[in-house]
Amino acid sequence: MDIETYRDYCLSKKGVTESLPFGPDSLVIKIMGKIFTIASLDEVPLRVNLKCDPERAINLREKYPDNILSGYHMNKKHWNTLVLDGSLQKTLIFELVDHSYNLVHQGLTRKLKEELDLL
């Protein structure tokens, strides 16, 4: 999967913004100001970090040891790094993006959830 497809899918979600706060090589995508994915733009193949339920994270790493790793520069319990070299199915990648988005959404304050509902 290329960065344009990944980025477009993420940005299609409600309340999402993008920025480069860590420099030009790390695209950070947030829901209501909270990070749910980071893409390493200087990596070939593309690598992205996604938040994940801890138990599911372990299962995914065991099932896809070459393409789903513990989160690089992130909390290893709650984040995975996906290596997008074409081995992972697009549907799985999008499902994991949705999972990360939903986990972060669940952790939003009531006020932020209300603001999101108004968008």
Protein backbone atom coordinates (compact mmCIF):
# COMPACT_ATOMS: atom_id res chain seq x y z
CA MET A 1 0.00 0.00 0.00
CA ASP A 2 1.29 3.47 -0.82
CA ILE A 3 1.18 6.49 1.45
CA GLU A 4 -1.49 8.26 -0.62
CA THR A 5 -3.97 5.40 -0.24
CA TYR A 6 -3.19 5.06 3.47
CA ARG A 7 -3.42 8.80 4.10
CA ASP A 8 -6.66 9.21 2.13
CA TYR A 9 -8.31 6.41 4.08
CA CYS A 10 -7.27 7.90 7.42
CA LEU A 11 -8.32 11.43 6.46
CA SER A 12 -11.75 10.21 5.35
CA LYS A 13 -12.63 9.57 9.00
CA LYS A 14 -14.56 12.08 11.08
CA GLY A 15 -12.60 14.60 13.19
CA VAL A 16 -9.22 13.70 11.69
CA THR A 17 -6.30 16.06 11.07
CA GLU A 18 -2.73 15.54 9.92
CA SER A 19 0.54 17.24 10.82
CA LEU A 20 4.31 16.83 10.82
CA PRO A 21 5.20 17.73 14.44
CA PHE A 22 8.24 15.42 14.59
CA GLY A 23 9.76 16.62 11.30
CA PRO A 24 9.14 16.04 7.60
CA ASP A 25 9.51 12.25 7.77
CA SER A 26 6.75 11.42 10.28
CA LEU A 27 3.16 12.02 9.24
CA VAL A 28 1.00 12.15 12.37
CA ILE A 29 -2.74 11.63 12.00
CA LYS A 30 -5.02 12.47 14.92
CA ILE A 31 -8.67 12.27 15.91
CA MET A 32 -9.68 15.36 17.89
CA GLY A 33 -6.02 16.09 18.69
CA LYS A 34 -5.14 12.53 19.80
CA ILE A 35 -2.73 10.41 17.73
CA PHE A 36 -4.10 7.22 16.21
CA THR A 37 -1.43 6.62 13.55
CA ILE A 38 2.03 7.75 12.56
CA ALA A 39 3.51 7.00 9.13
CA SER A 40 7.29 6.96 8.61
CA LEU A 41 7.59 8.71 5.25
CA ASP A 42 11.31 7.98 4.91
CA GLU A 43 10.93 4.19 5.22
CA VAL A 44 10.84 1.86 2.23
CA PRO A 45 8.64 -0.05 2.44
CA LEU A 46 6.23 2.26 4.22
CA ARG A 47 5.89 1.66 7.97
CA VAL A 48 2.99 2.89 10.07
CA ASN A 49 2.30 2.79 13.79
CA LEU A 50 -1.23 2.01 14.95
CA LYS A 51 -2.73 1.76 18.41
CA CYS A 52 -3.99 -1.73 19.22
CA ASP A 53 -5.65 -3.64 22.03
CA PRO A 54 -2.73 -5.29 23.91
CA GLU A 55 -3.98 -8.87 23.55
CA ARG A 56 -4.80 -8.40 19.89
CA ALA A 57 -1.41 -6.76 19.33
CA ILE A 58 0.38 -9.89 20.55
CA ASN A 59 -1.80 -12.15 18.41
CA LEU A 60 -1.15 -10.06 15.30
CA ARG A 61 2.61 -10.06 15.90
CA GLU A 62 2.57 -13.85 16.21
CA LYS A 63 0.43 -14.33 13.09
CA TYR A 64 2.37 -11.82 10.93
CA PRO A 65 5.91 -11.78 12.40
CA ASP A 66 7.52 -10.18 9.34
CA ASN A 67 4.96 -7.42 8.89
CA ILE A 68 3.48 -6.56 12.28
CA LEU A 69 6.05 -5.62 14.90
CA SER A 70 5.95 -4.01 18.33
CA GLY A 71 5.46 -0.26 17.97
CA TYR A 72 8.66 1.53 17.00
CA HIS A 73 9.34 4.43 19.41
CA MET A 74 5.93 3.78 21.00
CA ASN A 75 4.54 1.90 23.99
CA LYS A 76 5.13 -1.70 22.88
CA LYS A 77 2.06 -2.92 24.76
CA HIS A 78 -0.40 -0.62 22.99
CA TRP A 79 1.13 0.06 19.57
CA ASN A 80 2.10 -2.01 16.55
CA THR A 81 4.25 -1.10 13.57
CA LEU A 82 2.97 -2.41 10.26
CA VAL A 83 5.41 -2.94 7.40
CA LEU A 84 3.38 -2.22 4.26
CA ASP A 85 5.39 -4.17 1.69
CA GLY A 86 2.36 -5.69 -0.05
CA SER A 87 2.20 -8.80 2.14
CA LEU A 88 -0.69 -7.63 4.31
CA GLN A 89 -4.13 -7.50 2.74
CA LYS A 90 -5.58 -4.04 2.24
CA THR A 91 -8.72 -5.07 4.15
CA LEU A 92 -6.61 -6.04 7.19
CA ILE A 93 -4.71 -2.74 7.08
CA PHE A 94 -7.94 -0.74 6.92
CA GLU A 95 -9.44 -2.86 9.69
CA LEU A 96 -6.43 -2.09 11.90
CA VAL A 97 -6.70 1.63 11.08
CA ASP A 98 -10.36 1.48 12.11
CA HIS A 99 -9.42 -0.39 15.30
CA SER A 100 -6.82 2.25 16.22
CA TYR A 101 -9.24 5.10 15.44
CA ASN A 102 -11.95 3.47 17.57
CA LEU A 103 -9.60 2.86 20.52
CA VAL A 104 -8.53 6.49 20.55
CA HIS A 105 -12.14 7.61 20.09
CA GLN A 106 -13.16 5.56 23.15
CA GLY A 107 -10.52 7.35 25.20
CA LEU A 108 -11.68 10.85 24.28
CA THR A 109 -13.25 13.01 26.93
CA ARG A 110 -17.01 13.45 26.86
CA LYS A 111 -16.51 17.04 25.72
CA LEU A 112 -14.34 15.98 22.76
CA LYS A 113 -16.84 13.25 21.82
CA GLU A 114 -19.64 15.84 21.85
CA GLU A 115 -17.55 18.17 19.65
CA LEU A 116 -16.88 15.28 17.27
CA ASP A 117 -20.58 14.48 17.06
CA LEU A 118 -21.22 18.06 15.92
CA LEU A 119 -18.80 17.79 12.98
